[in-house]
C-alpha atoms as a PDB file:
ATOM      1  CA  MET A   1     -42.574 269.208  43.767  1.00  0.00           C
ATOM      2  CA  ARG A   2     -45.853 270.776  42.755  1.00  0.00           C
ATOM      3  CA  TYR A   3     -45.758 274.369  41.626  1.00  0.00           C
ATOM      4  CA  PHE A   4     -48.695 276.498  42.761  1.00  0.00           C
ATOM      5  CA  VAL A   5     -49.952 279.179  40.411  1.00  0.00           C
ATOM      6  CA  SER A   6     -52.870 280.345  42.513  1.00  0.00           C
ATOM      7  CA  VAL A   7     -53.355 281.405  46.113  1.00  0.00           C
ATOM      8  CA  GLN A   8     -54.126 278.565  48.498  1.00  0.00           C
ATOM      9  CA  THR A   9     -56.424 279.509  51.388  1.00  0.00           C
ATOM     10  CA  ILE A  10     -56.137 277.460  54.567  1.00  0.00           C
ATOM     11  CA  VAL A  11     -57.957 277.598  57.904  1.00  0.00           C
ATOM     12  CA  ILE A  12     -55.637 276.772  60.785  1.00  0.00           C
ATOM     13  CA  GLU A  13     -57.187 274.685  63.560  1.00  0.00           C
ATOM     14  CA  PRO A  14     -57.257 276.392  66.995  1.00  0.00           C
ATOM     15  CA  ASN A  15     -55.025 273.702  68.535  1.00  0.00           C
ATOM     16  CA  LEU A  16     -52.282 274.577  66.034  1.00  0.00           C
ATOM     17  CA  ILE A  17     -52.599 278.276  66.907  1.00  0.00           C
ATOM     18  CA  VAL A  18     -52.155 277.390  70.581  1.00  0.00           C
ATOM     19  CA  LYS A  19     -49.170 275.175  69.726  1.00  0.00           C
ATOM     20  CA  ALA A  20     -47.537 277.945  67.656  1.00  0.00           C
ATOM     21  CA  LYS A  21     -48.103 280.500  70.451  1.00  0.00           C
ATOM     22  CA  GLY A  22     -46.570 278.123  72.981  1.00  0.00           C
ATOM     23  CA  PHE A  23     -43.542 277.588  70.755  1.00  0.00           C
ATOM     24  CA  ALA A  24     -43.066 281.327  70.254  1.00  0.00           C
ATOM     25  CA  ARG A  25     -43.338 281.962  73.988  1.00  0.00           C
ATOM     26  CA  GLN A  26     -40.764 279.262  74.777  1.00  0.00           C
ATOM     27  CA  VAL A  27     -38.267 280.071  72.022  1.00  0.00           C
ATOM     28  CA  THR A  28     -38.141 283.844  72.553  1.00  0.00           C
ATOM     29  CA  PRO A  29     -36.002 283.784  75.722  1.00  0.00           C
ATOM     30  CA  THR A  30     -33.429 281.637  73.886  1.00  0.00           C
ATOM     31  CA  ILE A  31     -32.902 284.212  71.136  1.00  0.00           C
ATOM     32  CA  GLY A  32     -34.461 287.472  72.209  1.00  0.00           C
ATOM     33  CA  SER A  33     -31.817 289.018  74.419  1.00  0.00           C
ATOM     34  CA  PRO A  34     -29.011 291.391  73.383  1.00  0.00           C
ATOM     35  CA  GLY A  35     -26.005 289.429  72.201  1.00  0.00           C
ATOM     36  CA  SER A  36     -28.122 286.513  70.988  1.00  0.00           C
ATOM     37  CA  GLY A  37     -29.391 285.375  67.599  1.00  0.00           C
ATOM     38  CA  TYR A  38     -31.166 288.647  66.745  1.00  0.00           C
ATOM     39  CA  ARG A  39     -28.113 290.896  67.294  1.00  0.00           C
ATOM     40  CA  ASP A  40     -27.725 291.580  63.576  1.00  0.00           C
ATOM     41  CA  THR A  41     -31.272 292.953  63.271  1.00  0.00           C
ATOM     42  CA  ASN A  42     -31.074 295.461  66.129  1.00  0.00           C
ATOM     43  CA  GLN A  43     -34.422 294.051  67.247  1.00  0.00           C
ATOM     44  CA  PHE A  44     -34.630 293.768  71.020  1.00  0.00           C
ATOM     45  CA  ASN A  45     -38.396 294.049  71.504  1.00  0.00           C
ATOM     46  CA  LEU A  46     -39.219 290.632  72.961  1.00  0.00           C
ATOM     47  CA  GLN A  47     -42.929 290.952  72.124  1.00  0.00           C
ATOM     48  CA  LYS A  48     -42.074 291.616  68.462  1.00  0.00           C
ATOM     49  CA  ILE A  49     -39.618 288.707  68.387  1.00  0.00           C
ATOM     50  CA  GLU A  50     -42.212 286.395  69.943  1.00  0.00           C
ATOM     51  CA  ASN A  51     -44.848 287.484  67.436  1.00  0.00           C
ATOM     52  CA  ASP A  52     -42.411 286.954  64.545  1.00  0.00           C
ATOM     53  CA  HIS A  53     -41.867 283.364  65.678  1.00  0.00           C
ATOM     54  CA  PHE A  54     -45.601 282.795  66.134  1.00  0.00           C
ATOM     55  CA  VAL A  55     -46.372 284.104  62.643  1.00  0.00           C
ATOM     56  CA  SER A  56     -43.585 281.984  61.153  1.00  0.00           C
ATOM     57  CA  LYS A  57     -44.805 278.791  62.789  1.00  0.00           C
ATOM     58  CA  VAL A  58     -48.408 279.387  61.682  1.00  0.00           C
ATOM     59  CA  GLY A  59     -47.124 279.880  58.139  1.00  0.00           C
ATOM     60  CA  GLU A  60     -45.248 276.591  58.318  1.00  0.00           C
ATOM     61  CA  GLU A  61     -48.419 274.835  59.484  1.00  0.00           C
ATOM     62  CA  ALA A  62     -50.413 276.362  56.620  1.00  0.00           C
ATOM     63  CA  VAL A  63     -47.882 275.214  54.035  1.00  0.00           C
ATOM     64  CA  ARG A  64     -47.793 271.749  55.621  1.00  0.00           C
ATOM     65  CA  ILE A  65     -51.573 271.491  55.275  1.00  0.00           C
ATOM     66  CA  VAL A  66     -51.496 272.560  51.617  1.00  0.00           C
ATOM     67  CA  PHE A  67     -48.936 269.929  50.678  1.00  0.00           C
ATOM     68  CA  GLU A  68     -50.647 267.204  52.696  1.00  0.00           C
ATOM     69  CA  LYS A  69     -53.879 267.973  50.803  1.00  0.00           C
ATOM     70  CA  CYS A  70     -51.859 267.260  47.645  1.00  0.00           C
ATOM     71  CA  SER A  71     -50.961 263.828  49.087  1.00  0.00           C
ATOM     72  CA  ARG A  72     -47.336 264.793  49.678  1.00  0.00           C
ATOM     73  CA  GLN A  73     -45.303 263.438  52.592  1.00  0.00           C
ATOM     74  CA  VAL A  74     -44.429 266.348  54.880  1.00  0.00           C
ATOM     75  CA  GLN A  75     -41.874 266.429  57.674  1.00  0.00           C
ATOM     76  CA  GLY A  76     -42.226 269.354  60.082  1.00  0.00           C
ATOM     77  CA  PRO A  77     -42.755 271.927  61.381  1.00  0.00           C
ATOM     78  CA  ASP A  78     -40.102 271.475  64.051  1.00  0.00           C
ATOM     79  CA  TYR A  79     -41.288 272.573  67.499  1.00  0.00           C
ATOM     80  CA  GLN A  80     -38.139 271.643  69.390  1.00  0.00           C
ATOM     81  CA  ILE A  81     -36.453 274.464  71.286  1.00  0.00           C
ATOM     82  CA  TYR A  82     -32.717 274.592  70.562  1.00  0.00           C
ATOM     83  CA  ALA A  83     -30.169 276.444  72.642  1.00  0.00           C
ATOM     84  CA  GLY A  84     -27.289 278.522  71.344  1.00  0.00           C
ATOM     85  CA  LYS A  85     -25.122 276.706  68.829  1.00  0.00           C
ATOM     86  CA  GLN A  86     -27.682 273.902  68.449  1.00  0.00           C
ATOM     87  CA  LYS A  87     -29.843 276.256  66.407  1.00  0.00           C
ATOM     88  CA  SER A  88     -29.620 275.546  62.710  1.00  0.00           C
ATOM     89  CA  TRP A  89     -30.703 276.849  59.353  1.00  0.00           C
ATOM     90  CA  ASP A  90     -32.295 273.558  58.306  1.00  0.00           C
ATOM     91  CA  SER A  91     -35.274 273.767  55.994  1.00  0.00           C
ATOM     92  CA  ASP A  92     -38.581 274.688  57.635  1.00  0.00           C
ATOM     93  CA  LEU A  93     -40.326 271.689  56.082  1.00  0.00           C
ATOM     94  CA  TYR A  94     -39.367 268.677  54.001  1.00  0.00           C
ATOM     95  CA  ILE A  95     -41.776 267.767  51.206  1.00  0.00           C
ATOM     96  CA  ASP A  96     -41.194 264.238  49.926  1.00  0.00           C
ATOM     97  CA  GLY A  97     -37.677 264.596  51.336  1.00  0.00           C
ATOM     98  CA  PHE A  98     -36.921 267.937  49.633  1.00  0.00           C
ATOM     99  CA  GLY A  99     -36.143 270.937  51.845  1.00  0.00           C
ATOM    100  CA  LEU A 100     -38.559 273.856  51.691  1.00  0.00           C
ATOM    101  CA  ALA A 101     -38.190 277.321  53.200  1.00  0.00           C
ATOM    102  CA  VAL A 102     -41.362 279.056  54.373  1.00  0.00           C
ATOM    103  CA  LYS A 103     -41.498 282.854  54.527  1.00  0.00           C
ATOM    104  CA  THR A 104     -44.530 284.321  56.254  1.00  0.00           C
ATOM    105  CA  GLN A 105     -45.894 287.817  56.789  1.00  0.00           C
ATOM    106  CA  ALA A 106     -48.931 288.878  58.812  1.00  0.00           C
ATOM    107  CA  THR A 107     -51.647 290.680  56.861  1.00  0.00           C
ATOM    108  CA  SER A 108     -51.571 293.532  59.403  1.00  0.00           C
ATOM    109  CA  LEU A 109     -47.924 294.244  58.544  1.00  0.00           C
ATOM    110  CA  ALA A 110     -48.581 293.815  54.824  1.00  0.00           C
ATOM    111  CA  LYS A 111     -51.251 296.522  55.029  1.00  0.00           C
ATOM    112  CA  LYS A 112     -48.881 298.802  56.919  1.00  0.00           C
ATOM    113  CA  PHE A 113     -45.628 298.242  54.977  1.00  0.00           C
ATOM    114  CA  GLY A 114     -46.595 296.329  51.840  1.00  0.00           C
ATOM    115  CA  LEU A 115     -46.515 292.610  51.200  1.00  0.00           C
ATOM    116  CA  SER A 116     -42.904 291.414  51.412  1.00  0.00           C
ATOM    117  CA  TRP A 117     -40.698 288.715  52.872  1.00  0.00           C
ATOM    118  CA  THR A 118     -37.268 288.888  54.457  1.00  0.00           C
ATOM    119  CA  PHE A 119     -34.248 286.705  53.831  1.00  0.00           C
ATOM    120  CA  GLN A 120     -31.395 286.923  56.315  1.00  0.00           C
ATOM    121  CA  ALA A 121     -28.091 287.806  54.655  1.00  0.00           C
ATOM    122  CA  GLY A 122     -26.109 289.174  57.577  1.00  0.00           C
ATOM    123  CA  THR A 123     -22.743 288.387  59.071  1.00  0.00           C
ATOM    124  CA  TYR A 124     -24.182 286.148  61.794  1.00  0.00           C
ATOM    125  CA  ARG A 125     -27.292 284.757  60.117  1.00  0.00           C
ATOM    126  CA  LYS A 126     -27.731 283.893  56.466  1.00  0.00           C
ATOM    127  CA  ASP A 127     -30.513 281.920  54.852  1.00  0.00           C
ATOM    128  CA  PRO A 128     -28.798 278.954  53.170  1.00  0.00           C
ATOM    129  CA  ILE A 129     -31.315 279.133  50.327  1.00  0.00           C
ATOM    130  CA  LEU A 130     -29.476 282.246  49.160  1.00  0.00           C
ATOM    131  CA  ASN A 131     -26.603 279.941  48.223  1.00  0.00           C
ATOM    132  CA  ASN A 132     -28.842 277.531  46.307  1.00  0.00           C
ATOM    133  CA  SER A 133     -30.390 278.660  43.034  1.00  0.00           C
ATOM    134  CA  ASN A 134     -32.633 275.548  43.081  1.00  0.00           C
ATOM    135  CA  ALA A 135     -34.016 276.172  46.582  1.00  0.00           C
ATOM    136  CA  TRP A 136     -37.755 275.815  47.129  1.00  0.00           C
ATOM    137  CA  VAL A 137     -39.598 278.608  48.943  1.00  0.00           C
ATOM    138  CA  CYS A 138     -43.260 279.083  49.830  1.00  0.00           C
ATOM    139  CA  PHE A 139     -44.481 282.588  50.581  1.00  0.00           C
ATOM    140  CA  CYS A 140     -47.329 282.827  53.040  1.00  0.00           C
ATOM    141  CA  ARG A 141     -49.547 285.619  54.364  1.00  0.00           C
ATOM    142  CA  ILE A 142     -51.608 285.000  57.486  1.00  0.00           C
ATOM    143  CA  GLN A 143     -54.612 286.850  58.889  1.00  0.00           C
END
């Protein structure tokens, strides 16, 4: 897999923004209520949860575009809505068959709190890449 040493700047097409917003709107009710997948974060603000999913999906699209410009075969992002136990911690994208995690932060939050990315390491949710020292991760900041 190619290793990037400089920032890649991508413009996301409006249709992909609409698609990511639609995904976020549809997935939020499946995870955004008390007792669901966000219980370990104490985050119950459905608007925040929806925005988190929107930002994440836009980041995945940006990373997909970067790798496709490098003539890599990319599988994903996955826009399927999964219920309950069907949800998985599969890689966000697959580049030439290799799993890749994408971590995304909005510029507005970076300005407010500093540029950073979160990995889940709780009792109920844990990023599997934390168990793999050879895991591939792309960090993304979106406007």
